[in-house]
């Protein structure tokens, strides 16, 4: 399954933006979905992830309290609500699904981009005045 992130754009510091992640096929066919971002010259970094069934969420320290991840089971969409945005949030944002088992995921694997696949085209987010 290939995932498609959308909803990026230009936003002023302190502003908000909502990103969406949807599968190219009929459904996610996974137990979790993660959001990552990559700024120019930097490695891809973990942003947030959500367990599809239970709705359990995890966030990176840099976005905790500002970003919120949610899923719509009926629409098969995962959202990333970004509030109080900062210039440091500027990056291409990607969504992906974990490759490993749930034990690996819940043991901390949820934050490693190396443990995800189904990467699609990302969406550019720019925070600037």
C-alpha atoms as a PDB file:
ATOM      1  CA  UNK A   1       0.000   0.000   0.000  1.00  0.00           C
ATOM      2  CA  UNK A   2       1.334   3.398  -0.945  1.00  0.00           C
ATOM      3  CA  UNK A   3       0.415   6.331   1.268  1.00  0.00           C
ATOM      4  CA  UNK A   4      -0.229   9.864   0.148  1.00  0.00           C
ATOM      5  CA  UNK A   5       0.308  12.869   2.392  1.00  0.00           C
ATOM      6  CA  UNK A   6      -1.475  16.105   1.562  1.00  0.00           C
ATOM      7  CA  UNK A   7      -2.477  19.442   3.046  1.00  0.00           C
ATOM      8  CA  UNK A   8       0.878  21.178   3.209  1.00  0.00           C
ATOM      9  CA  UNK A   9       1.410  24.835   2.493  1.00  0.00           C
ATOM     10  CA  UNK A  10       2.722  28.123   3.782  1.00  0.00           C
ATOM     11  CA  UNK A  11       1.710  29.197   7.273  1.00  0.00           C
ATOM     12  CA  UNK A  12       2.834  32.029   9.524  1.00  0.00           C
ATOM     13  CA  UNK A  13       4.549  31.365  12.852  1.00  0.00           C
ATOM     14  CA  UNK A  14       1.929  30.614  15.460  1.00  0.00           C
ATOM     15  CA  UNK A  15      -0.489  29.400  12.819  1.00  0.00           C
ATOM     16  CA  UNK A  16      -2.113  26.007  12.267  1.00  0.00           C
ATOM     17  CA  UNK A  17      -2.304  23.457   9.505  1.00  0.00           C
ATOM     18  CA  UNK A  18      -3.907  20.042   9.091  1.00  0.00           C
ATOM     19  CA  UNK A  19      -2.222  17.298   7.092  1.00  0.00           C
ATOM     20  CA  UNK A  20      -3.975  14.197   5.795  1.00  0.00           C
ATOM     21  CA  UNK A  21      -2.640  10.737   5.032  1.00  0.00           C
ATOM     22  CA  UNK A  22      -4.595   8.282   2.893  1.00  0.00           C
ATOM     23  CA  UNK A  23      -3.753   4.934   1.299  1.00  0.00           C
ATOM     24  CA  UNK A  24      -3.750   4.507  -2.455  1.00  0.00           C
ATOM     25  CA  UNK A  25      -5.721   1.300  -2.154  1.00  0.00           C
ATOM     26  CA  UNK A  26      -8.799   0.280  -0.243  1.00  0.00           C
ATOM     27  CA  UNK A  27      -7.374   0.660   3.226  1.00  0.00           C
ATOM     28  CA  UNK A  28      -4.296   1.035   5.347  1.00  0.00           C
ATOM     29  CA  UNK A  29      -4.009  -2.698   6.087  1.00  0.00           C
ATOM     30  CA  UNK A  30      -1.765  -1.949   9.041  1.00  0.00           C
ATOM     31  CA  UNK A  31      -1.842  -1.599  12.819  1.00  0.00           C
ATOM     32  CA  UNK A  32      -0.308   1.877  12.924  1.00  0.00           C
ATOM     33  CA  UNK A  33       0.551   4.945  10.881  1.00  0.00           C
ATOM     34  CA  UNK A  34       3.404   7.330  11.525  1.00  0.00           C
ATOM     35  CA  UNK A  35       4.226  10.878  10.490  1.00  0.00           C
ATOM     36  CA  UNK A  36       7.815  11.889   9.802  1.00  0.00           C
ATOM     37  CA  UNK A  37       9.403  15.040   8.432  1.00  0.00           C
ATOM     38  CA  UNK A  38      12.616  15.931   6.686  1.00  0.00           C
ATOM     39  CA  UNK A  39      14.130  19.378   6.444  1.00  0.00           C
ATOM     40  CA  UNK A  40      16.839  20.230   3.873  1.00  0.00           C
ATOM     41  CA  UNK A  41      20.190  18.822   4.901  1.00  0.00           C
ATOM     42  CA  UNK A  42      18.730  16.909   7.827  1.00  0.00           C
ATOM     43  CA  UNK A  43      17.742  13.324   8.451  1.00  0.00           C
ATOM     44  CA  UNK A  44      14.147  12.223   8.411  1.00  0.00           C
ATOM     45  CA  UNK A  45      12.780  12.560  11.921  1.00  0.00           C
ATOM     46  CA  UNK A  46       9.840  11.107  13.788  1.00  0.00           C
ATOM     47  CA  UNK A  47       6.881  13.378  14.473  1.00  0.00           C
ATOM     48  CA  UNK A  48       3.953  11.270  15.681  1.00  0.00           C
ATOM     49  CA  UNK A  49       2.308   7.890  15.354  1.00  0.00           C
ATOM     50  CA  UNK A  50      -1.070   6.339  16.101  1.00  0.00           C
ATOM     51  CA  UNK A  51      -2.209   2.780  16.612  1.00  0.00           C
ATOM     52  CA  UNK A  52      -5.059   2.141  14.190  1.00  0.00           C
ATOM     53  CA  UNK A  53      -7.216   0.003  16.490  1.00  0.00           C
ATOM     54  CA  UNK A  54      -6.727   1.449  19.957  1.00  0.00           C
ATOM     55  CA  UNK A  55      -5.878   4.992  18.953  1.00  0.00           C
ATOM     56  CA  UNK A  56      -2.757   5.012  21.137  1.00  0.00           C
ATOM     57  CA  UNK A  57      -0.531   7.948  20.217  1.00  0.00           C
ATOM     58  CA  UNK A  58       3.134   8.875  20.586  1.00  0.00           C
ATOM     59  CA  UNK A  59       4.829  12.188  19.820  1.00  0.00           C
ATOM     60  CA  UNK A  60       8.333  13.522  19.529  1.00  0.00           C
ATOM     61  CA  UNK A  61       9.337  15.952  22.255  1.00  0.00           C
ATOM     62  CA  UNK A  62       9.653  18.757  19.718  1.00  0.00           C
ATOM     63  CA  UNK A  63       5.955  18.660  18.790  1.00  0.00           C
ATOM     64  CA  UNK A  64       4.337  17.339  21.963  1.00  0.00           C
ATOM     65  CA  UNK A  65       1.527  19.619  23.058  1.00  0.00           C
ATOM     66  CA  UNK A  66       1.394  21.389  19.677  1.00  0.00           C
ATOM     67  CA  UNK A  67       0.692  18.598  17.202  1.00  0.00           C
ATOM     68  CA  UNK A  68      -2.082  16.036  17.430  1.00  0.00           C
ATOM     69  CA  UNK A  69      -2.528  12.860  15.425  1.00  0.00           C
ATOM     70  CA  UNK A  70      -5.915  11.256  14.861  1.00  0.00           C
ATOM     71  CA  UNK A  71      -7.501   8.679  12.600  1.00  0.00           C
ATOM     72  CA  UNK A  72     -10.897   8.420  10.943  1.00  0.00           C
ATOM     73  CA  UNK A  73     -11.672   4.719  10.711  1.00  0.00           C
ATOM     74  CA  UNK A  74     -14.611   5.196   8.352  1.00  0.00           C
ATOM     75  CA  UNK A  75     -12.819   7.510   5.928  1.00  0.00           C
ATOM     76  CA  UNK A  76      -9.484   5.658   6.214  1.00  0.00           C
ATOM     77  CA  UNK A  77      -7.575   8.870   6.812  1.00  0.00           C
ATOM     78  CA  UNK A  78      -4.975   9.797   9.387  1.00  0.00           C
ATOM     79  CA  UNK A  79      -4.682  13.477  10.278  1.00  0.00           C
ATOM     80  CA  UNK A  80      -1.913  15.549  11.763  1.00  0.00           C
ATOM     81  CA  UNK A  81      -3.210  18.722  13.378  1.00  0.00           C
ATOM     82  CA  UNK A  82      -0.337  21.189  13.751  1.00  0.00           C
ATOM     83  CA  UNK A  83      -0.818  24.186  16.051  1.00  0.00           C
ATOM     84  CA  UNK A  84       1.373  27.026  17.240  1.00  0.00           C
ATOM     85  CA  UNK A  85       3.755  26.290  14.430  1.00  0.00           C
ATOM     86  CA  UNK A  86       7.368  27.397  14.419  1.00  0.00           C
ATOM     87  CA  UNK A  87       9.873  28.021  11.600  1.00  0.00           C
ATOM     88  CA  UNK A  88      11.664  24.883  12.792  1.00  0.00           C
ATOM     89  CA  UNK A  89       8.613  22.876  11.700  1.00  0.00           C
ATOM     90  CA  UNK A  90       9.428  23.659   8.078  1.00  0.00           C
ATOM     91  CA  UNK A  91      10.009  20.373   6.268  1.00  0.00           C
ATOM     92  CA  UNK A  92       8.548  17.842   3.890  1.00  0.00           C
ATOM     93  CA  UNK A  93       6.111  15.712   5.856  1.00  0.00           C
ATOM     94  CA  UNK A  94       5.605  12.028   5.107  1.00  0.00           C
ATOM     95  CA  UNK A  95       3.337   9.308   6.413  1.00  0.00           C
ATOM     96  CA  UNK A  96       4.215   5.623   6.469  1.00  0.00           C
ATOM     97  CA  UNK A  97       3.340   2.281   8.051  1.00  0.00           C
ATOM     98  CA  UNK A  98       5.547   0.179  10.347  1.00  0.00           C
ATOM     99  CA  UNK A  99       7.224  -2.922   8.878  1.00  0.00           C
ATOM    100  CA  UNK A 100       7.818  -4.850  12.074  1.00  0.00           C
ATOM    101  CA  UNK A 101       5.579  -6.482  14.617  1.00  0.00           C
ATOM    102  CA  UNK A 102       3.683  -4.738  17.381  1.00  0.00           C
ATOM    103  CA  UNK A 103       6.266  -5.691  20.007  1.00  0.00           C
ATOM    104  CA  UNK A 104       8.981  -3.879  18.093  1.00  0.00           C
ATOM    105  CA  UNK A 105       6.695  -0.920  17.553  1.00  0.00           C
ATOM    106  CA  UNK A 106       5.713  -0.538  21.203  1.00  0.00           C
ATOM    107  CA  UNK A 107       9.297  -1.147  22.358  1.00  0.00           C
ATOM    108  CA  UNK A 108      10.355   2.101  20.739  1.00  0.00           C
ATOM    109  CA  UNK A 109      10.507   1.095  17.103  1.00  0.00           C
ATOM    110  CA  UNK A 110       7.645   3.472  16.387  1.00  0.00           C
ATOM    111  CA  UNK A 111      10.065   6.408  16.271  1.00  0.00           C
ATOM    112  CA  UNK A 112      12.574   4.972  13.805  1.00  0.00           C
ATOM    113  CA  UNK A 113      12.083   5.753  10.138  1.00  0.00           C
ATOM    114  CA  UNK A 114      14.091   2.612   9.335  1.00  0.00           C
ATOM    115  CA  UNK A 115      11.204   0.511  10.646  1.00  0.00           C
ATOM    116  CA  UNK A 116       8.621   2.015   8.293  1.00  0.00           C
ATOM    117  CA  UNK A 117       7.759   1.555   4.648  1.00  0.00           C
ATOM    118  CA  UNK A 118       4.943   2.450   2.237  1.00  0.00           C
ATOM    119  CA  UNK A 119       6.407   5.917   1.998  1.00  0.00           C
ATOM    120  CA  UNK A 120       4.662   8.045  -0.543  1.00  0.00           C
ATOM    121  CA  UNK A 121       5.247  11.528  -1.793  1.00  0.00           C
ATOM    122  CA  UNK A 122       5.451  13.946   1.062  1.00  0.00           C
ATOM    123  CA  UNK A 123       3.838  17.325   1.417  1.00  0.00           C
ATOM    124  CA  UNK A 124       5.815  20.534   1.896  1.00  0.00           C
ATOM    125  CA  UNK A 125       5.130  22.602   5.001  1.00  0.00           C
ATOM    126  CA  UNK A 126       6.721  26.030   5.277  1.00  0.00           C
ATOM    127  CA  UNK A 127       6.433  28.185   8.369  1.00  0.00           C
ATOM    128  CA  UNK A 128       7.471  31.725   7.612  1.00  0.00           C
ATOM    129  CA  UNK A 129       6.296  35.294   8.003  1.00  0.00           C
END
